[in-house]
Amino acid sequence: MKGLDIAALVLIIVGGLNWGLVGLLEYNLVDSLFGEGSALARIVYTLVGLAALWAAGSLVPRYSEHYGTPHHAR
């Protein structure tokens, strides 16, 4: 799973940098590289979204292992 975690992290970083460029400079790097609305750009966006879901899903077990069960849930 470590390889998948690293791939997800790289994709999340790519997505975050792209959104930062959009917000600061109104420049979409993914669209510039692959063509606005192209199949390849949509694939990149889909992979970034799936990576974010993977990371969010893997956070829950890590959080509960590190912090344990909340007192109010006991």
C-alpha atoms as a PDB file:
ATOM      1  CA  MET A   1       0.000   0.000   0.000  1.00  0.00           C
ATOM      2  CA  LYS A   2       2.941   2.328   0.493  1.00  0.00           C
ATOM      3  CA  GLY A   3       3.347   2.787  -3.280  1.00  0.00           C
ATOM      4  CA  LEU A   4      -0.322   3.690  -3.605  1.00  0.00           C
ATOM      5  CA  ASP A   5      -0.021   6.142  -0.712  1.00  0.00           C
ATOM      6  CA  ILE A   6       2.942   7.853  -2.388  1.00  0.00           C
ATOM      7  CA  ALA A   7       1.144   8.012  -5.743  1.00  0.00           C
ATOM      8  CA  ALA A   8      -1.904   9.512  -4.023  1.00  0.00           C
ATOM      9  CA  LEU A   9       0.255  12.092  -2.258  1.00  0.00           C
ATOM     10  CA  VAL A  10       1.929  13.117  -5.528  1.00  0.00           C
ATOM     11  CA  LEU A  11      -1.446  13.512  -7.227  1.00  0.00           C
ATOM     12  CA  ILE A  12      -2.819  15.545  -4.313  1.00  0.00           C
ATOM     13  CA  ILE A  13       0.216  17.831  -4.502  1.00  0.00           C
ATOM     14  CA  VAL A  14      -0.282  18.242  -8.258  1.00  0.00           C
ATOM     15  CA  GLY A  15      -3.941  19.107  -7.662  1.00  0.00           C
ATOM     16  CA  GLY A  16      -3.118  21.543  -4.879  1.00  0.00           C
ATOM     17  CA  LEU A  17      -0.468  23.316  -6.939  1.00  0.00           C
ATOM     18  CA  ASN A  18      -2.843  23.520  -9.892  1.00  0.00           C
ATOM     19  CA  TRP A  19      -5.572  25.064  -7.722  1.00  0.00           C
ATOM     20  CA  GLY A  20      -3.026  27.471  -6.260  1.00  0.00           C
ATOM     21  CA  LEU A  21      -2.076  28.600  -9.762  1.00  0.00           C
ATOM     22  CA  VAL A  22      -5.745  28.982 -10.689  1.00  0.00           C
ATOM     23  CA  GLY A  23      -6.426  31.047  -7.582  1.00  0.00           C
ATOM     24  CA  LEU A  24      -3.363  33.253  -7.739  1.00  0.00           C
ATOM     25  CA  LEU A  25      -2.688  33.638 -11.444  1.00  0.00           C
ATOM     26  CA  GLU A  26      -5.848  32.378 -13.156  1.00  0.00           C
ATOM     27  CA  TYR A  27      -3.610  29.816 -14.875  1.00  0.00           C
ATOM     28  CA  ASN A  28      -4.667  26.177 -15.141  1.00  0.00           C
ATOM     29  CA  LEU A  29      -1.519  24.108 -15.640  1.00  0.00           C
ATOM     30  CA  VAL A  30      -3.360  20.828 -16.289  1.00  0.00           C
ATOM     31  CA  ASP A  31      -5.496  22.407 -19.009  1.00  0.00           C
ATOM     32  CA  SER A  32      -2.420  24.082 -20.490  1.00  0.00           C
ATOM     33  CA  LEU A  33      -0.500  20.806 -20.637  1.00  0.00           C
ATOM     34  CA  PHE A  34      -3.263  18.498 -21.829  1.00  0.00           C
ATOM     35  CA  GLY A  35      -5.836  20.795 -23.445  1.00  0.00           C
ATOM     36  CA  GLU A  36      -8.883  22.340 -21.823  1.00  0.00           C
ATOM     37  CA  GLY A  37     -11.618  19.742 -21.459  1.00  0.00           C
ATOM     38  CA  SER A  38      -9.521  17.044 -23.145  1.00  0.00           C
ATOM     39  CA  ALA A  39      -9.865  13.406 -22.196  1.00  0.00           C
ATOM     40  CA  LEU A  40      -6.355  13.444 -20.746  1.00  0.00           C
ATOM     41  CA  ALA A  41      -7.072  16.491 -18.571  1.00  0.00           C
ATOM     42  CA  ARG A  42     -10.266  14.833 -17.321  1.00  0.00           C
ATOM     43  CA  ILE A  43      -8.291  11.697 -16.490  1.00  0.00           C
ATOM     44  CA  VAL A  44      -5.802  13.773 -14.466  1.00  0.00           C
ATOM     45  CA  TYR A  45      -8.647  15.497 -12.589  1.00  0.00           C
ATOM     46  CA  THR A  46     -10.306  12.136 -11.927  1.00  0.00           C
ATOM     47  CA  LEU A  47      -7.055  10.645 -10.616  1.00  0.00           C
ATOM     48  CA  VAL A  48      -6.516  13.657  -8.342  1.00  0.00           C
ATOM     49  CA  GLY A  49     -10.054  13.252  -6.978  1.00  0.00           C
ATOM     50  CA  LEU A  50      -9.585   9.524  -6.404  1.00  0.00           C
ATOM     51  CA  ALA A  51      -6.264  10.225  -4.680  1.00  0.00           C
ATOM     52  CA  ALA A  52      -8.002  12.662  -2.338  1.00  0.00           C
ATOM     53  CA  LEU A  53     -10.641  10.040  -1.511  1.00  0.00           C
ATOM     54  CA  TRP A  54      -7.918   7.463  -0.887  1.00  0.00           C
ATOM     55  CA  ALA A  55      -6.063   9.834   1.439  1.00  0.00           C
ATOM     56  CA  ALA A  56      -9.229  10.804   3.307  1.00  0.00           C
ATOM     57  CA  GLY A  57     -10.196   7.156   3.718  1.00  0.00           C
ATOM     58  CA  SER A  58      -6.780   6.189   4.999  1.00  0.00           C
ATOM     59  CA  LEU A  59      -6.766   9.073   7.489  1.00  0.00           C
ATOM     60  CA  VAL A  60      -9.596   7.664   9.594  1.00  0.00           C
ATOM     61  CA  PRO A  61      -7.824   4.467  10.735  1.00  0.00           C
ATOM     62  CA  ARG A  62      -4.560   6.353  11.274  1.00  0.00           C
ATOM     63  CA  TYR A  63      -6.323   9.004  13.353  1.00  0.00           C
ATOM     64  CA  SER A  64      -8.093   6.452  15.536  1.00  0.00           C
ATOM     65  CA  GLU A  65      -4.895   4.398  16.000  1.00  0.00           C
ATOM     66  CA  HIS A  66      -2.954   7.481  17.069  1.00  0.00           C
ATOM     67  CA  TYR A  67      -5.560   9.152  19.279  1.00  0.00           C
ATOM     68  CA  GLY A  68      -7.646   6.170  20.343  1.00  0.00           C
ATOM     69  CA  THR A  69     -11.365   6.176  20.939  1.00  0.00           C
ATOM     70  CA  PRO A  70     -12.760   9.557  22.007  1.00  0.00           C
ATOM     71  CA  HIS A  71     -13.952   9.678  25.625  1.00  0.00           C
ATOM     72  CA  HIS A  72     -17.494  10.595  24.601  1.00  0.00           C
ATOM     73  CA  ALA A  73     -17.730   7.458  22.439  1.00  0.00           C
ATOM     74  CA  ARG A  74     -16.879   5.031  25.264  1.00  0.00           C
END
